[in-house]
Every structure is written in C-alpha cells, then in structure tokens.
Amino acid sequence: MTDYDVIVVGGSAAGLSAALTLGRARRRVLLLDRRTPRNAPVAHSHGFLTRDGTPPGELRRIAHEQLEPYGTELRFLEALRARSVSGGFELDLEDGSRVRAARLLLATGVRDLLPDLPGLRERWGRSVHACPYCHGWEVQDRPLAVLGRSESGYHKAVMLHHWSRDTVLLTDGPSGLTPERLGQLAALGIAVLEDPLSHLEGAGDALERVVFRGGRVLAREALFLQPDVRPASDLAAQLGCKMSDNGHNVVTDAAGQTSVPGVYAAGDMVEPAAHQIAHAVSSGARAAASLNNALIFAAALEQA
C-alpha cells in the first residue's frame, strides 16, 4: 500500500503544473517543494499568458491557492534519497520521514553555474540575464553586452542584436570564432572585445559599467550570457534514469516517461535549452497527463 498515487518532486512551474493536472485527475498527490526556485532572483516573470510581469513568488502563491480544492498535499521539504520498492517508489525526506507512491514525477530543475566575475552574481536576474525572451523587452535599444565565446557567444550576440543594435560581444580572452563568424558579427555592427574582464559596476543591482583589467571602462545597461547548468538534484541519477550525454538533462520520451518505468520528468531538467515558465508549465502538464493515463490503463488491465 502506498501513501500517494503520485509524488511530485519540485515546486516551481513544472511541478506545480503537474500537481494541478494530477489533482484534477482525482489522484492522491504529494508535492515536495524545497523552496529554492531557479528564478528567485528575478523581480518579474515574463512571457506567461495572463501573468506577464508577475513576480515569481506571486505566481507560486496563486498556484498553491489553486491546488487547495483538489486535496493536493504540499510539504516544504527536500527529498534526499529515492529508491524503487515493491509497488512503487520510496523517498527519504530531510525531516527524517519516509513516503511512498505508485509513481514519481520529477521536476527538480537545474542550477546555473555563473562565471566567476566580480559583480556578476549580485546582478543575476536583475541586470544580468540569460533569456532575451524573458528580459529583452525591458532593455530594448539600450547599450547591451553579451558574455560568451565561440558559437554560443556568437549565437547569443546575434539574438540580442534584434533587441538592441548597440550590442557588443565580450569574450574575456580569445573569442574562438572563425573568420567567417567574425565577419558576420562585423556586418551587423557587433564589436567583439577580447580583452580580459575585471568586474562589473553599478548602483545596487543595476549594471552601469563593464571594467576591463587594463582599466578600460565600457558603459552598458544589461549583460546577457548562457550559463552552464547542472541538475539541481541527483534523485534521477539515484533512480537510474538515463541522462543526456553531457549529464545535464534527464532523457524522456515525448510524454515525459524516463528510462525507469513509473518515473516521469518535466521542466528545465529535461529541456536542453528553452527554459521559460510557459515551456515548464506545458512540460509538467503533459507529463502528468501521460502518467495519469498510464495509471488508468494499468488499473483497467488488473481488473480484466
């Protein structure tokens, strides 16, 4: 006998969306939220229909409120260990308790690995960003910088040029770009600055200046980069789920089923690139519906 039909691990957009779908499907659901959302530094979330510009914390508050009619149990705890057991899965929680469910849906996300550039971390999510679709509108036509090298830097710089023609690419050393790529950037008017960086400056969490090691100062109002990411939890690895070649994402089928039967995954932890709230919500709902369908037909076969 299990405590729940489904345990959803992860209380941000994908996990909340999954919990809502499963609750409305009359499932006994436990939602575990360790309250460390990736978008915590961001003042306002953008690009989510009907909630554009809403603070991330307010989105979660509304979601918690809307889960209540469906009997979803919410615990603000981290799941430390996960294992397969007879009839489902078992989780050890940080408070020492142990819970069981017939199915698991992981939505534990990823964490950003930021460059070790003084002044960057305290501006992350405020004037230093990753996603132009999330934050490009607010800095359109302003002096922008992209921090990156090689193809990643080239791609991000060309993207940002759409929001502001005053965009420069900072490579903090050799760019790693081919002459062809350098020519393409030059044709767009995007300067490539290879000088080593010293730090970022500005009042509070605003970006005003990029300072190079040689003393040069470049006035900029926002900086974009593509940070490396790592899984925010090792639960998928503990369960033996297949990971992507770089180990950063859980591999699933189109419906969110991992390589481990009964374990589903959704959100940033399965998305290699497009990390936006709308995508996470869709991913969570899709995986939850697939999981619920599997439970329905498994029960029907047992009764046949």
C-alpha atoms as a PDB file:
ATOM      1  CA  MET A   1       0.000   0.000   0.000  1.00  0.00           C
ATOM      2  CA  THR A   2       1.378   3.419  -0.963  1.00  0.00           C
ATOM      3  CA  ASP A   3       0.832   6.737   0.781  1.00  0.00           C
ATOM      4  CA  TYR A   4       0.091   8.511  -2.505  1.00  0.00           C
ATOM      5  CA  ASP A   5      -0.690   7.787  -6.113  1.00  0.00           C
ATOM      6  CA  VAL A   6       1.983  10.244  -7.207  1.00  0.00           C
ATOM      7  CA  ILE A   7       4.731  12.230  -5.549  1.00  0.00           C
ATOM      8  CA  VAL A   8       5.756  15.322  -7.491  1.00  0.00           C
ATOM      9  CA  VAL A   9       9.244  16.465  -6.536  1.00  0.00           C
ATOM     10  CA  GLY A  10       9.829  20.137  -7.318  1.00  0.00           C
ATOM     11  CA  GLY A  11       7.596  23.080  -6.536  1.00  0.00           C
ATOM     12  CA  SER A  12       8.263  25.515  -9.354  1.00  0.00           C
ATOM     13  CA  ALA A  13       6.367  25.921 -12.637  1.00  0.00           C
ATOM     14  CA  ALA A  14       6.649  22.364 -13.995  1.00  0.00           C
ATOM     15  CA  GLY A  15       5.952  20.689 -10.665  1.00  0.00           C
ATOM     16  CA  LEU A  16       3.030  22.963  -9.842  1.00  0.00           C
ATOM     17  CA  SER A  17       1.513  22.399 -13.272  1.00  0.00           C
ATOM     18  CA  ALA A  18       1.905  18.638 -12.887  1.00  0.00           C
ATOM     19  CA  ALA A  19       0.342  18.699  -9.420  1.00  0.00           C
ATOM     20  CA  LEU A  20      -2.649  20.665 -10.714  1.00  0.00           C
ATOM     21  CA  THR A  21      -3.232  18.242 -13.582  1.00  0.00           C
ATOM     22  CA  LEU A  22      -2.951  15.224 -11.290  1.00  0.00           C
ATOM     23  CA  GLY A  23      -5.157  16.758  -8.617  1.00  0.00           C
ATOM     24  CA  ARG A  24      -7.881  17.390 -11.147  1.00  0.00           C
ATOM     25  CA  ALA A  25      -7.459  13.759 -12.228  1.00  0.00           C
ATOM     26  CA  ARG A  26      -8.528  12.690  -8.717  1.00  0.00           C
ATOM     27  CA  ARG A  27      -5.079  11.470  -7.712  1.00  0.00           C
ATOM     28  CA  ARG A  28      -3.661  11.427  -4.204  1.00  0.00           C
ATOM     29  CA  VAL A  29      -0.727  13.774  -4.733  1.00  0.00           C
ATOM     30  CA  LEU A  30       2.148  14.901  -2.549  1.00  0.00           C
ATOM     31  CA  LEU A  31       4.047  17.929  -3.833  1.00  0.00           C
ATOM     32  CA  LEU A  32       7.524  18.419  -2.371  1.00  0.00           C
ATOM     33  CA  ASP A  33       8.986  21.922  -2.592  1.00  0.00           C
ATOM     34  CA  ARG A  34      12.365  22.794  -1.110  1.00  0.00           C
ATOM     35  CA  ARG A  35      11.745  26.483  -1.892  1.00  0.00           C
ATOM     36  CA  THR A  36      14.854  27.148  -3.968  1.00  0.00           C
ATOM     37  CA  PRO A  37      13.343  28.167  -7.332  1.00  0.00           C
ATOM     38  CA  ARG A  38      15.796  28.938 -10.097  1.00  0.00           C
ATOM     39  CA  ASN A  39      14.079  32.244 -10.875  1.00  0.00           C
ATOM     40  CA  ALA A  40      14.167  33.510  -7.270  1.00  0.00           C
ATOM     41  CA  PRO A  41      16.487  36.461  -8.105  1.00  0.00           C
ATOM     42  CA  VAL A  42      14.113  37.740 -10.801  1.00  0.00           C
ATOM     43  CA  ALA A  43      11.805  40.633  -9.924  1.00  0.00           C
ATOM     44  CA  HIS A  44       9.168  39.845 -12.553  1.00  0.00           C
ATOM     45  CA  SER A  45       8.384  36.863 -14.774  1.00  0.00           C
ATOM     46  CA  HIS A  46       7.525  37.453 -18.411  1.00  0.00           C
ATOM     47  CA  GLY A  47       6.060  35.595 -21.354  1.00  0.00           C
ATOM     48  CA  PHE A  48       3.434  33.584 -19.460  1.00  0.00           C
ATOM     49  CA  LEU A  49      -0.021  34.311 -20.854  1.00  0.00           C
ATOM     50  CA  THR A  50      -2.305  36.297 -18.462  1.00  0.00           C
ATOM     51  CA  ARG A  51       0.532  36.665 -15.930  1.00  0.00           C
ATOM     52  CA  ASP A  52       3.121  38.701 -17.840  1.00  0.00           C
ATOM     53  CA  GLY A  53       5.123  40.806 -15.388  1.00  0.00           C
ATOM     54  CA  THR A  54       4.044  38.900 -12.271  1.00  0.00           C
ATOM     55  CA  PRO A  55       6.700  38.330  -9.568  1.00  0.00           C
ATOM     56  CA  PRO A  56       7.719  34.637  -9.412  1.00  0.00           C
ATOM     57  CA  GLY A  57       6.733  34.390  -5.751  1.00  0.00           C
ATOM     58  CA  GLU A  58       3.241  35.639  -6.558  1.00  0.00           C
ATOM     59  CA  LEU A  59       2.876  33.036  -9.303  1.00  0.00           C
ATOM     60  CA  ARG A  60       3.710  30.304  -6.805  1.00  0.00           C
ATOM     61  CA  ARG A  61       1.294  31.751  -4.229  1.00  0.00           C
ATOM     62  CA  ILE A  62      -1.545  31.705  -6.752  1.00  0.00           C
ATOM     63  CA  ALA A  63      -0.638  28.159  -7.771  1.00  0.00           C
ATOM     64  CA  HIS A  64      -0.671  26.948  -4.151  1.00  0.00           C
ATOM     65  CA  GLU A  65      -4.091  28.542  -3.680  1.00  0.00           C
ATOM     66  CA  GLN A  66      -5.459  26.888  -6.799  1.00  0.00           C
ATOM     67  CA  LEU A  67      -4.213  23.455  -5.715  1.00  0.00           C
ATOM     68  CA  GLU A  68      -6.239  23.522  -2.491  1.00  0.00           C
ATOM     69  CA  PRO A  69      -9.631  22.400  -3.896  1.00  0.00           C
ATOM     70  CA  TYR A  70      -8.064  19.220  -5.247  1.00  0.00           C
ATOM     71  CA  GLY A  71      -6.651  17.934  -1.982  1.00  0.00           C
ATOM     72  CA  THR A  72      -3.012  18.119  -3.029  1.00  0.00           C
ATOM     73  CA  GLU A  73      -0.694  17.840  -0.043  1.00  0.00           C
ATOM     74  CA  LEU A  74       2.139  20.368  -0.093  1.00  0.00           C
ATOM     75  CA  ARG A  75       5.252  19.917   2.022  1.00  0.00           C
ATOM     76  CA  PHE A  76       8.144  22.345   2.024  1.00  0.00           C
ATOM     77  CA  LEU A  77      10.800  19.655   2.292  1.00  0.00           C
ATOM     78  CA  GLU A  78      13.654  18.308   0.199  1.00  0.00           C
ATOM     79  CA  ALA A  79      13.727  14.689  -0.921  1.00  0.00           C
ATOM     80  CA  LEU A  80      17.208  13.396  -0.152  1.00  0.00           C
ATOM     81  CA  ARG A  81      17.038   9.804  -1.379  1.00  0.00           C
ATOM     82  CA  ALA A  82      14.843   7.841  -3.758  1.00  0.00           C
ATOM     83  CA  ARG A  83      14.575   4.132  -4.455  1.00  0.00           C
ATOM     84  CA  SER A  84      12.344   1.630  -6.206  1.00  0.00           C
ATOM     85  CA  VAL A  85      10.317  -0.601  -3.886  1.00  0.00           C
ATOM     86  CA  SER A  86       7.594  -3.171  -4.355  1.00  0.00           C
ATOM     87  CA  GLY A  87       4.580  -1.419  -5.811  1.00  0.00           C
ATOM     88  CA  GLY A  88       6.274   1.899  -6.483  1.00  0.00           C
ATOM     89  CA  PHE A  89       8.868   4.224  -5.032  1.00  0.00           C
ATOM     90  CA  GLU A  90      10.074   5.414  -1.655  1.00  0.00           C
ATOM     91  CA  LEU A  91      11.580   8.782  -0.730  1.00  0.00           C
ATOM     92  CA  ASP A  92      13.540   9.831   2.341  1.00  0.00           C
ATOM     93  CA  LEU A  93      12.806  13.453   3.260  1.00  0.00           C
ATOM     94  CA  GLU A  94      15.039  15.938   5.036  1.00  0.00           C
ATOM     95  CA  ASP A  95      12.935  15.841   8.212  1.00  0.00           C
ATOM     96  CA  GLY A  96      13.599  12.111   8.584  1.00  0.00           C
ATOM     97  CA  SER A  97      10.208  10.978   7.310  1.00  0.00           C
ATOM     98  CA  ARG A  98       9.693   8.433   4.540  1.00  0.00           C
ATOM     99  CA  VAL A  99       6.925   8.483   1.925  1.00  0.00           C
ATOM    100  CA  ARG A 100       5.781   6.093  -0.795  1.00  0.00           C
ATOM    101  CA  ALA A 101       3.946   6.467  -4.076  1.00  0.00           C
ATOM    102  CA  ALA A 102       2.993   4.323  -7.034  1.00  0.00           C
ATOM    103  CA  ARG A 103       4.591   6.821  -9.425  1.00  0.00           C
ATOM    104  CA  LEU A 104       7.110   9.656  -9.282  1.00  0.00           C
ATOM    105  CA  LEU A 105       7.184  12.851 -11.290  1.00  0.00           C
ATOM    106  CA  LEU A 106      10.482  14.699 -11.022  1.00  0.00           C
ATOM    107  CA  ALA A 107      10.547  18.433 -11.687  1.00  0.00           C
ATOM    108  CA  THR A 108      13.669  19.315  -9.729  1.00  0.00           C
ATOM    109  CA  GLY A 109      15.134  21.665 -12.320  1.00  0.00           C
ATOM    110  CA  VAL A 110      18.701  22.747 -12.895  1.00  0.00           C
ATOM    111  CA  ARG A 111      21.053  25.198 -11.241  1.00  0.00           C
ATOM    112  CA  ASP A 112      23.043  27.855 -13.061  1.00  0.00           C
ATOM    113  CA  LEU A 113      26.844  27.870 -12.880  1.00  0.00           C
ATOM    114  CA  LEU A 114      27.742  31.540 -13.180  1.00  0.00           C
ATOM    115  CA  PRO A 115      31.134  32.862 -14.294  1.00  0.00           C
ATOM    116  CA  ASP A 116      33.455  33.953 -11.514  1.00  0.00           C
ATOM    117  CA  LEU A 117      33.328  37.621 -12.497  1.00  0.00           C
ATOM    118  CA  PRO A 118      33.147  40.084  -9.592  1.00  0.00           C
ATOM    119  CA  GLY A 119      29.879  41.997  -9.629  1.00  0.00           C
ATOM    120  CA  LEU A 120      28.017  39.453 -11.748  1.00  0.00           C
ATOM    121  CA  ARG A 121      26.358  37.191  -9.183  1.00  0.00           C
ATOM    122  CA  GLU A 122      24.693  40.027  -7.244  1.00  0.00           C
ATOM    123  CA  ARG A 123      23.203  41.334 -10.515  1.00  0.00           C
ATOM    124  CA  TRP A 124      21.979  37.943 -11.732  1.00  0.00           C
ATOM    125  CA  GLY A 125      18.292  38.151 -12.634  1.00  0.00           C
ATOM    126  CA  ARG A 126      18.301  41.941 -12.264  1.00  0.00           C
ATOM    127  CA  SER A 127      20.633  43.404 -14.878  1.00  0.00           C
ATOM    128  CA  VAL A 128      22.466  40.220 -15.894  1.00  0.00           C
ATOM    129  CA  HIS A 129      20.257  37.693 -17.680  1.00  0.00           C
ATOM    130  CA  ALA A 130      20.226  34.527 -19.751  1.00  0.00           C
ATOM    131  CA  CYS A 131      16.998  34.752 -21.738  1.00  0.00           C
ATOM    132  CA  PRO A 132      16.199  37.619 -24.131  1.00  0.00           C
ATOM    133  CA  TYR A 133      12.623  36.368 -24.457  1.00  0.00           C
ATOM    134  CA  CYS A 134      12.215  36.812 -20.710  1.00  0.00           C
ATOM    135  CA  HIS A 135      14.058  40.122 -20.284  1.00  0.00           C
ATOM    136  CA  GLY A 136      14.879  41.576 -23.699  1.00  0.00           C
ATOM    137  CA  TRP A 137      11.850  43.868 -23.937  1.00  0.00           C
ATOM    138  CA  GLU A 138      12.792  45.759 -20.784  1.00  0.00           C
ATOM    139  CA  VAL A 139      16.254  46.641 -22.165  1.00  0.00           C
ATOM    140  CA  GLN A 140      15.405  47.154 -25.820  1.00  0.00           C
ATOM    141  CA  ASP A 141      17.523  49.767 -27.626  1.00  0.00           C
ATOM    142  CA  ARG A 142      19.814  50.164 -24.608  1.00  0.00           C
ATOM    143  CA  PRO A 143      23.579  49.509 -24.549  1.00  0.00           C
ATOM    144  CA  LEU A 144      23.880  45.731 -24.098  1.00  0.00           C
ATOM    145  CA  ALA A 145      26.724  43.273 -23.700  1.00  0.00           C
ATOM    146  CA  VAL A 146      26.886  39.544 -24.290  1.00  0.00           C
ATOM    147  CA  LEU A 147      29.439  37.481 -22.390  1.00  0.00           C
ATOM    148  CA  GLY A 148      30.452  34.348 -24.256  1.00  0.00           C
ATOM    149  CA  ARG A 149      32.818  32.678 -26.682  1.00  0.00           C
ATOM    150  CA  SER A 150      32.741  30.549 -29.799  1.00  0.00           C
ATOM    151  CA  GLU A 151      29.377  29.518 -31.260  1.00  0.00           C
ATOM    152  CA  SER A 152      27.464  30.111 -28.026  1.00  0.00           C
ATOM    153  CA  GLY A 153      28.682  33.695 -27.805  1.00  0.00           C
ATOM    154  CA  TYR A 154      28.046  34.302 -31.498  1.00  0.00           C
ATOM    155  CA  HIS A 155      24.511  32.947 -31.268  1.00  0.00           C
ATOM    156  CA  LYS A 156      23.606  34.992 -28.200  1.00  0.00           C
ATOM    157  CA  ALA A 157      25.092  38.202 -29.648  1.00  0.00           C
ATOM    158  CA  VAL A 158      23.150  37.872 -32.902  1.00  0.00           C
ATOM    159  CA  MET A 159      19.987  37.179 -30.905  1.00  0.00           C
ATOM    160  CA  LEU A 160      20.412  40.260 -28.695  1.00  0.00           C
ATOM    161  CA  HIS A 161      21.141  42.440 -31.709  1.00  0.00           C
ATOM    162  CA  HIS A 162      17.453  42.066 -32.552  1.00  0.00           C
ATOM    163  CA  TRP A 163      16.514  43.818 -29.290  1.00  0.00           C
ATOM    164  CA  SER A 164      19.268  46.429 -29.429  1.00  0.00           C
ATOM    165  CA  ARG A 165      21.579  47.466 -32.237  1.00  0.00           C
ATOM    166  CA  ASP A 166      24.015  48.659 -29.554  1.00  0.00           C
ATOM    167  CA  THR A 167      25.228  45.182 -28.641  1.00  0.00           C
ATOM    168  CA  VAL A 168      28.835  44.105 -28.074  1.00  0.00           C
ATOM    169  CA  LEU A 169      30.286  40.631 -27.533  1.00  0.00           C
ATOM    170  CA  LEU A 170      32.692  40.275 -24.609  1.00  0.00           C
ATOM    171  CA  THR A 171      34.799  37.118 -24.828  1.00  0.00           C
ATOM    172  CA  ASP A 172      37.116  37.686 -21.830  1.00  0.00           C
ATOM    173  CA  GLY A 173      40.043  36.292 -23.816  1.00  0.00           C
ATOM    174  CA  PRO A 174      40.356  34.738 -27.290  1.00  0.00           C
ATOM    175  CA  SER A 175      36.942  34.582 -28.922  1.00  0.00           C
ATOM    176  CA  GLY A 176      37.314  31.162 -30.529  1.00  0.00           C
ATOM    177  CA  LEU A 177      35.338  32.471 -33.503  1.00  0.00           C
ATOM    178  CA  THR A 178      36.131  31.667 -37.116  1.00  0.00           C
ATOM    179  CA  PRO A 179      36.920  34.495 -39.546  1.00  0.00           C
ATOM    180  CA  GLU A 180      33.529  33.851 -41.127  1.00  0.00           C
ATOM    181  CA  ARG A 181      31.710  34.368 -37.830  1.00  0.00           C
ATOM    182  CA  LEU A 182      33.748  37.470 -37.031  1.00  0.00           C
ATOM    183  CA  GLY A 183      32.823  38.861 -40.438  1.00  0.00           C
ATOM    184  CA  GLN A 184      29.142  38.199 -39.836  1.00  0.00           C
ATOM    185  CA  LEU A 185      29.264  39.997 -36.492  1.00  0.00           C
ATOM    186  CA  ALA A 186      31.125  42.923 -38.029  1.00  0.00           C
ATOM    187  CA  ALA A 187      28.496  43.189 -40.767  1.00  0.00           C
ATOM    188  CA  LEU A 188      25.859  43.567 -38.053  1.00  0.00           C
ATOM    189  CA  GLY A 189      27.900  46.195 -36.244  1.00  0.00           C
ATOM    190  CA  ILE A 190      28.555  43.923 -33.244  1.00  0.00           C
ATOM    191  CA  ALA A 191      32.004  44.649 -31.830  1.00  0.00           C
ATOM    192  CA  VAL A 192      33.961  41.690 -30.436  1.00  0.00           C
ATOM    193  CA  LEU A 193      36.092  42.665 -27.438  1.00  0.00           C
ATOM    194  CA  GLU A 194      38.605  40.015 -26.360  1.00  0.00           C
ATOM    195  CA  ASP A 195      40.234  41.997 -23.532  1.00  0.00           C
ATOM    196  CA  PRO A 196      40.170  40.208 -20.144  1.00  0.00           C
ATOM    197  CA  LEU A 197      37.435  41.458 -17.825  1.00  0.00           C
ATOM    198  CA  SER A 198      37.973  42.797 -14.309  1.00  0.00           C
ATOM    199  CA  HIS A 199      34.497  43.353 -12.847  1.00  0.00           C
ATOM    200  CA  LEU A 200      31.023  44.835 -13.265  1.00  0.00           C
ATOM    201  CA  GLU A 201      29.954  48.105 -11.654  1.00  0.00           C
ATOM    202  CA  GLY A 202      26.714  49.947 -10.970  1.00  0.00           C
ATOM    203  CA  ALA A 203      24.469  51.295  -8.244  1.00  0.00           C
ATOM    204  CA  GLY A 204      22.827  48.471  -6.311  1.00  0.00           C
ATOM    205  CA  ASP A 205      21.949  45.607  -8.635  1.00  0.00           C
ATOM    206  CA  ALA A 206      21.944  47.829 -11.736  1.00  0.00           C
ATOM    207  CA  LEU A 207      24.656  47.399 -14.346  1.00  0.00           C
ATOM    208  CA  GLU A 208      26.288  50.628 -15.467  1.00  0.00           C
ATOM    209  CA  ARG A 209      29.857  49.743 -16.413  1.00  0.00           C
ATOM    210  CA  VAL A 210      31.960  46.806 -17.541  1.00  0.00           C
ATOM    211  CA  VAL A 211      35.545  47.268 -16.369  1.00  0.00           C
ATOM    212  CA  PHE A 212      38.424  45.543 -18.153  1.00  0.00           C
ATOM    213  CA  ARG A 213      41.670  44.500 -16.475  1.00  0.00           C
ATOM    214  CA  GLY A 214      43.632  47.091 -18.393  1.00  0.00           C
ATOM    215  CA  GLY A 215      41.429  49.829 -16.929  1.00  0.00           C
ATOM    216  CA  ARG A 216      39.160  50.381 -19.892  1.00  0.00           C
ATOM    217  CA  VAL A 217      35.529  51.081 -18.968  1.00  0.00           C
ATOM    218  CA  LEU A 218      32.550  50.272 -21.169  1.00  0.00           C
ATOM    219  CA  ALA A 219      29.132  51.731 -20.372  1.00  0.00           C
ATOM    220  CA  ARG A 220      26.445  49.016 -20.544  1.00  0.00           C
ATOM    221  CA  GLU A 221      22.987  48.710 -19.008  1.00  0.00           C
ATOM    222  CA  ALA A 222      22.471  44.946 -19.222  1.00  0.00           C
ATOM    223  CA  LEU A 223      24.527  41.848 -19.842  1.00  0.00           C
ATOM    224  CA  PHE A 224      23.378  38.506 -21.236  1.00  0.00           C
ATOM    225  CA  LEU A 225      25.119  35.153 -21.075  1.00  0.00           C
ATOM    226  CA  GLN A 226      24.386  31.454 -21.425  1.00  0.00           C
ATOM    227  CA  PRO A 227      25.429  29.847 -18.137  1.00  0.00           C
ATOM    228  CA  ASP A 228      26.341  26.212 -17.831  1.00  0.00           C
ATOM    229  CA  VAL A 229      23.743  24.235 -15.904  1.00  0.00           C
ATOM    230  CA  ARG A 230      23.791  21.146 -13.727  1.00  0.00           C
ATOM    231  CA  PRO A 231      20.948  19.076 -12.248  1.00  0.00           C
ATOM    232  CA  ALA A 232      19.644  20.705  -9.071  1.00  0.00           C
ATOM    233  CA  SER A 233      19.013  17.254  -7.576  1.00  0.00           C
ATOM    234  CA  ASP A 234      20.562  13.815  -8.008  1.00  0.00           C
ATOM    235  CA  LEU A 235      17.303  11.908  -7.480  1.00  0.00           C
ATOM    236  CA  ALA A 236      17.059  10.954 -11.153  1.00  0.00           C
ATOM    237  CA  ALA A 237      20.586   9.556 -11.042  1.00  0.00           C
ATOM    238  CA  GLN A 238      19.819   7.674  -7.825  1.00  0.00           C
ATOM    239  CA  LEU A 239      16.886   6.001  -9.546  1.00  0.00           C
ATOM    240  CA  GLY A 240      18.990   5.075 -12.571  1.00  0.00           C
ATOM    241  CA  CYS A 241      17.306   7.360 -15.096  1.00  0.00           C
ATOM    242  CA  LYS A 242      19.167   7.748 -18.358  1.00  0.00           C
ATOM    243  CA  MET A 243      20.875  11.129 -18.665  1.00  0.00           C
ATOM    244  CA  SER A 244      21.917  13.149 -21.710  1.00  0.00           C
ATOM    245  CA  ASP A 245      25.466  12.688 -22.996  1.00  0.00           C
ATOM    246  CA  ASN A 246      26.672  15.735 -21.044  1.00  0.00           C
ATOM    247  CA  GLY A 247      24.884  14.578 -17.901  1.00  0.00           C
ATOM    248  CA  HIS A 248      22.902  17.811 -17.585  1.00  0.00           C
ATOM    249  CA  ASN A 249      19.407  16.619 -18.544  1.00  0.00           C
ATOM    250  CA  VAL A 250      17.181  13.623 -17.939  1.00  0.00           C
ATOM    251  CA  VAL A 251      16.242  11.783 -21.119  1.00  0.00           C
ATOM    252  CA  THR A 252      12.497  11.214 -21.573  1.00  0.00           C
ATOM    253  CA  ASP A 253      10.145  10.270 -24.348  1.00  0.00           C
ATOM    254  CA  ALA A 254       7.701  12.810 -25.775  1.00  0.00           C
ATOM    255  CA  ALA A 255       5.294  12.150 -22.896  1.00  0.00           C
ATOM    256  CA  GLY A 256       7.834  12.673 -20.119  1.00  0.00           C
ATOM    257  CA  GLN A 257       8.480   8.995 -19.267  1.00  0.00           C
ATOM    258  CA  THR A 258      12.099   8.391 -18.248  1.00  0.00           C
ATOM    259  CA  SER A 259      14.055   5.195 -18.851  1.00  0.00           C
ATOM    260  CA  VAL A 260      12.837   3.947 -15.448  1.00  0.00           C
ATOM    261  CA  PRO A 261       9.239   2.675 -15.647  1.00  0.00           C
ATOM    262  CA  GLY A 262       6.975   4.712 -13.401  1.00  0.00           C
ATOM    263  CA  VAL A 263       9.318   7.707 -13.171  1.00  0.00           C
ATOM    264  CA  TYR A 264       8.405  10.794 -15.189  1.00  0.00           C
ATOM    265  CA  ALA A 265      10.282  14.074 -15.515  1.00  0.00           C
ATOM    266  CA  ALA A 266       9.365  17.582 -16.624  1.00  0.00           C
ATOM    267  CA  GLY A 267      10.601  21.155 -16.838  1.00  0.00           C
ATOM    268  CA  ASP A 268      14.121  22.519 -17.127  1.00  0.00           C
ATOM    269  CA  MET A 269      15.658  19.201 -16.097  1.00  0.00           C
ATOM    270  CA  VAL A 270      14.549  17.674 -19.413  1.00  0.00           C
ATOM    271  CA  GLU A 271      14.827  20.790 -21.618  1.00  0.00           C
ATOM    272  CA  PRO A 272      18.310  21.308 -23.104  1.00  0.00           C
ATOM    273  CA  ALA A 273      17.775  24.990 -23.861  1.00  0.00           C
ATOM    274  CA  ALA A 274      14.379  26.714 -23.820  1.00  0.00           C
ATOM    275  CA  HIS A 275      13.997  27.444 -20.121  1.00  0.00           C
ATOM    276  CA  GLN A 276      10.854  29.562 -19.830  1.00  0.00           C
ATOM    277  CA  ILE A 277       7.871  29.349 -17.491  1.00  0.00           C
ATOM    278  CA  ALA A 278       5.409  28.673 -20.302  1.00  0.00           C
ATOM    279  CA  HIS A 279       7.510  25.742 -21.523  1.00  0.00           C
ATOM    280  CA  ALA A 280       7.851  24.346 -17.999  1.00  0.00           C
ATOM    281  CA  VAL A 281       4.107  24.566 -17.364  1.00  0.00           C
ATOM    282  CA  SER A 282       3.406  22.748 -20.625  1.00  0.00           C
ATOM    283  CA  SER A 283       6.004  20.094 -19.860  1.00  0.00           C
ATOM    284  CA  GLY A 284       4.581  19.465 -16.391  1.00  0.00           C
ATOM    285  CA  ALA A 285       1.003  19.169 -17.615  1.00  0.00           C
ATOM    286  CA  ARG A 286       1.991  16.842 -20.449  1.00  0.00           C
ATOM    287  CA  ALA A 287       3.996  14.501 -18.211  1.00  0.00           C
ATOM    288  CA  ALA A 288       1.245  14.467 -15.578  1.00  0.00           C
ATOM    289  CA  ALA A 289      -1.448  13.569 -18.102  1.00  0.00           C
ATOM    290  CA  SER A 290       0.717  10.802 -19.530  1.00  0.00           C
ATOM    291  CA  LEU A 291       1.397   9.447 -16.048  1.00  0.00           C
ATOM    292  CA  ASN A 292      -2.286   9.505 -15.155  1.00  0.00           C
ATOM    293  CA  ASN A 293      -3.223   7.720 -18.375  1.00  0.00           C
ATOM    294  CA  ALA A 294      -0.703   5.001 -17.556  1.00  0.00           C
ATOM    295  CA  LEU A 295      -2.251   4.550 -14.104  1.00  0.00           C
ATOM    296  CA  ILE A 296      -5.752   4.342 -15.554  1.00  0.00           C
ATOM    297  CA  PHE A 297      -4.889   1.640 -18.065  1.00  0.00           C
ATOM    298  CA  ALA A 298      -2.729  -0.296 -15.612  1.00  0.00           C
ATOM    299  CA  ALA A 299      -5.699  -0.454 -13.231  1.00  0.00           C
ATOM    300  CA  ALA A 300      -8.031  -1.495 -16.054  1.00  0.00           C
ATOM    301  CA  LEU A 301      -5.730  -4.343 -17.068  1.00  0.00           C
ATOM    302  CA  GLU A 302      -5.543  -5.574 -13.478  1.00  0.00           C
ATOM    303  CA  GLN A 303      -9.332  -5.859 -13.383  1.00  0.00           C
ATOM    304  CA  ALA A 304      -9.649  -7.538 -16.774  1.00  0.00           C
END
